[in-house]
Amino acid sequence: MPPVMFLALLGAIGVAGYRIFSRLGNPKSGGQRGAEEGDRTRDLGNLEWDEGAGVYRPSTKRDV
């Protein structure tokens, strides 16, 4: 019975190691967010200060 338990433990460690290394190789998962942040940004054009809200908002004036 101990050899079976040893092989099961070895298999579990192998699966966990595979999952860790496969996540490190995939830039979309894990802690790497460099490409993701670039995908979410967009050009808002000219911004103007909104005194009431205290934030910058896209300008309502359109340059054609």
N, C-alpha and C. Protein backbone atom coordinates (compact mmCIF):
# COMPACT_ATOMS: atom_id res chain seq x y z
N MET A 1 0.81 -1.21 0.00
CA MET A 1 0.00 0.00 0.00
C MET A 1 0.86 1.27 0.00
N PRO A 2 2.00 1.33 0.71
CA PRO A 2 2.81 2.55 0.67
C PRO A 2 3.29 2.94 -0.72
N PRO A 3 3.66 1.99 -1.62
CA PRO A 3 4.06 2.42 -2.97
C PRO A 3 2.92 3.10 -3.74
N VAL A 4 1.68 2.65 -3.51
CA VAL A 4 0.53 3.26 -4.18
C VAL A 4 0.32 4.68 -3.68
N MET A 5 0.47 4.88 -2.38
CA MET A 5 0.32 6.22 -1.82
C MET A 5 1.44 7.14 -2.31
N PHE A 6 2.64 6.60 -2.43
CA PHE A 6 3.77 7.38 -2.94
C PHE A 6 3.53 7.80 -4.39
N LEU A 7 3.04 6.88 -5.21
CA LEU A 7 2.75 7.21 -6.60
C LEU A 7 1.61 8.23 -6.71
N ALA A 8 0.60 8.12 -5.85
CA ALA A 8 -0.50 9.09 -5.87
C ALA A 8 0.01 10.49 -5.47
N LEU A 9 0.87 10.54 -4.47
CA LEU A 9 1.45 11.81 -4.04
C LEU A 9 2.33 12.40 -5.14
N LEU A 10 3.11 11.56 -5.77
CA LEU A 10 3.97 12.01 -6.86
C LEU A 10 3.13 12.53 -8.04
N GLY A 11 2.04 11.87 -8.34
CA GLY A 11 1.14 12.32 -9.41
C GLY A 11 0.49 13.65 -9.07
N ALA A 12 0.07 13.84 -7.83
CA ALA A 12 -0.55 15.11 -7.41
C ALA A 12 0.46 16.26 -7.50
N ILE A 13 1.68 16.01 -7.11
CA ILE A 13 2.73 17.04 -7.21
C ILE A 13 3.01 17.36 -8.68
N GLY A 14 3.00 16.35 -9.53
CA GLY A 14 3.22 16.57 -10.96
C GLY A 14 2.12 17.41 -11.59
N VAL A 15 0.87 17.12 -11.24
CA VAL A 15 -0.26 17.90 -11.77
C VAL A 15 -0.20 19.34 -11.28
N ALA A 16 0.10 19.55 -10.01
CA ALA A 16 0.20 20.90 -9.48
C ALA A 16 1.34 21.66 -10.15
N GLY A 17 2.47 21.01 -10.36
CA GLY A 17 3.59 21.66 -11.04
C GLY A 17 3.25 22.01 -12.47
N TYR A 18 2.55 21.14 -13.16
CA TYR A 18 2.15 21.41 -14.54
C TYR A 18 1.23 22.63 -14.60
N ARG A 19 0.28 22.71 -13.70
CA ARG A 19 -0.63 23.86 -13.70
C ARG A 19 0.09 25.17 -13.42
N ILE A 20 1.03 25.15 -12.50
CA ILE A 20 1.78 26.36 -12.17
C ILE A 20 2.61 26.81 -13.37
N PHE A 21 3.33 25.90 -13.99
CA PHE A 21 4.18 26.27 -15.12
C PHE A 21 3.37 26.64 -16.36
N SER A 22 2.19 26.05 -16.54
CA SER A 22 1.38 26.43 -17.69
C SER A 22 0.79 27.83 -17.51
N ARG A 23 0.48 28.22 -16.28
CA ARG A 23 -0.01 29.59 -16.03
C ARG A 23 1.09 30.62 -16.22
N LEU A 24 2.31 30.26 -15.87
CA LEU A 24 3.43 31.19 -16.06
C LEU A 24 3.70 31.45 -17.53
N GLY A 25 3.44 30.49 -18.38
CA GLY A 25 3.70 30.64 -19.80
C GLY A 25 2.61 31.39 -20.54
N ASN A 26 1.43 31.51 -19.96
CA ASN A 26 0.31 32.18 -20.60
C ASN A 26 0.22 33.62 -20.09
N PRO A 27 0.48 34.64 -20.93
CA PRO A 27 0.49 36.02 -20.45
C PRO A 27 -0.89 36.56 -20.07
N LYS A 28 -1.97 35.94 -20.53
CA LYS A 28 -3.31 36.44 -20.19
C LYS A 28 -3.76 36.01 -18.80
N SER A 29 -3.16 35.01 -18.22
CA SER A 29 -3.54 34.57 -16.89
C SER A 29 -2.38 34.85 -15.93
N GLY A 30 -2.67 34.81 -14.68
CA GLY A 30 -1.62 35.05 -13.69
C GLY A 30 -1.47 36.53 -13.40
N GLY A 31 -0.29 36.93 -12.98
CA GLY A 31 -0.08 38.30 -12.57
C GLY A 31 0.36 39.24 -13.68
N GLN A 32 0.51 38.77 -14.89
CA GLN A 32 0.96 39.64 -15.97
C GLN A 32 -0.24 40.30 -16.62
N ARG A 33 -0.32 41.63 -16.51
CA ARG A 33 -1.46 42.34 -17.06
C ARG A 33 -1.08 43.43 -18.06
N GLY A 34 0.13 43.39 -18.57
CA GLY A 34 0.58 44.43 -19.47
C GLY A 34 -0.26 44.55 -20.73
N ALA A 35 -0.56 43.46 -21.39
CA ALA A 35 -1.34 43.50 -22.62
C ALA A 35 -2.81 43.78 -22.32
N GLU A 36 -3.32 43.30 -21.21
CA GLU A 36 -4.72 43.52 -20.87
C GLU A 36 -5.02 44.99 -20.64
N GLU A 37 -4.15 45.70 -19.94
CA GLU A 37 -4.40 47.10 -19.66
C GLU A 37 -4.41 47.92 -20.93
N GLY A 38 -3.58 47.56 -21.89
CA GLY A 38 -3.58 48.28 -23.15
C GLY A 38 -4.86 48.06 -23.94
N ASP A 39 -5.48 46.91 -23.78
CA ASP A 39 -6.73 46.63 -24.49
C ASP A 39 -7.89 47.43 -23.93
N ARG A 40 -7.84 47.78 -22.67
CA ARG A 40 -8.96 48.48 -22.05
C ARG A 40 -8.90 49.99 -22.19
N THR A 41 -7.79 50.54 -22.61
CA THR A 41 -7.68 51.99 -22.73
C THR A 41 -8.31 52.45 -24.02
N ARG A 42 -8.85 53.66 -24.00
CA ARG A 42 -9.43 54.24 -25.21
C ARG A 42 -9.14 55.73 -25.22
N ASP A 43 -9.16 56.31 -26.37
CA ASP A 43 -8.87 57.73 -26.53
C ASP A 43 -10.15 58.51 -26.26
N LEU A 44 -10.13 59.37 -25.26
CA LEU A 44 -11.29 60.18 -24.92
C LEU A 44 -11.25 61.55 -25.56
N GLY A 45 -10.20 61.84 -26.29
CA GLY A 45 -10.07 63.15 -26.90
C GLY A 45 -9.66 64.18 -25.86
N ASN A 46 -10.10 65.42 -26.06
CA ASN A 46 -9.78 66.49 -25.12
C ASN A 46 -10.64 66.36 -23.86
N LEU A 47 -10.03 66.60 -22.72
CA LEU A 47 -10.74 66.52 -21.45
C LEU A 47 -10.89 67.91 -20.87
N GLU A 48 -11.97 68.12 -20.15
CA GLU A 48 -12.17 69.39 -19.45
C GLU A 48 -12.55 69.10 -18.00
N TRP A 49 -12.20 70.01 -17.12
CA TRP A 49 -12.42 69.83 -15.69
C TRP A 49 -13.88 70.09 -15.35
N ASP A 50 -14.53 69.17 -14.65
CA ASP A 50 -15.90 69.32 -14.18
C ASP A 50 -15.84 69.71 -12.71
N GLU A 51 -16.13 70.99 -12.42
CA GLU A 51 -16.03 71.50 -11.05
C GLU A 51 -16.99 70.79 -10.09
N GLY A 52 -18.20 70.54 -10.54
CA GLY A 52 -19.21 69.93 -9.67
C GLY A 52 -18.83 68.53 -9.22
N ALA A 53 -18.30 67.73 -10.14
CA ALA A 53 -17.95 66.35 -9.80
C ALA A 53 -16.51 66.23 -9.33
N GLY A 54 -15.67 67.21 -9.69
CA GLY A 54 -14.27 67.16 -9.29
C GLY A 54 -13.45 66.17 -10.08
N VAL A 55 -13.84 65.93 -11.33
CA VAL A 55 -13.12 64.99 -12.19
C VAL A 55 -13.00 65.58 -13.59
N TYR A 56 -12.11 65.00 -14.39
CA TYR A 56 -12.02 65.35 -15.80
C TYR A 56 -13.03 64.54 -16.59
N ARG A 57 -13.69 65.20 -17.54
CA ARG A 57 -14.67 64.54 -18.39
C ARG A 57 -14.32 64.84 -19.86
N PRO A 58 -14.77 63.99 -20.78
CA PRO A 58 -14.53 64.29 -22.19
C PRO A 58 -15.19 65.61 -22.57
N SER A 59 -14.52 66.36 -23.43
CA SER A 59 -15.01 67.66 -23.84
C SER A 59 -16.27 67.49 -24.68
N THR A 60 -17.24 68.38 -24.48
CA THR A 60 -18.47 68.34 -25.27
C THR A 60 -18.28 69.00 -26.62
N LYS A 61 -17.21 69.80 -26.77
CA LYS A 61 -16.93 70.47 -28.04
C LYS A 61 -16.24 69.46 -28.96
N ARG A 62 -16.74 69.35 -30.18
CA ARG A 62 -16.16 68.41 -31.15
C ARG A 62 -15.36 69.18 -32.19
N ASP A 63 -14.12 68.75 -32.42
CA ASP A 63 -13.32 69.32 -33.49
C ASP A 63 -13.55 68.49 -34.74
N VAL A 64 -14.09 69.14 -35.77
CA VAL A 64 -14.40 68.40 -37.00
C VAL A 64 -13.35 68.61 -38.02
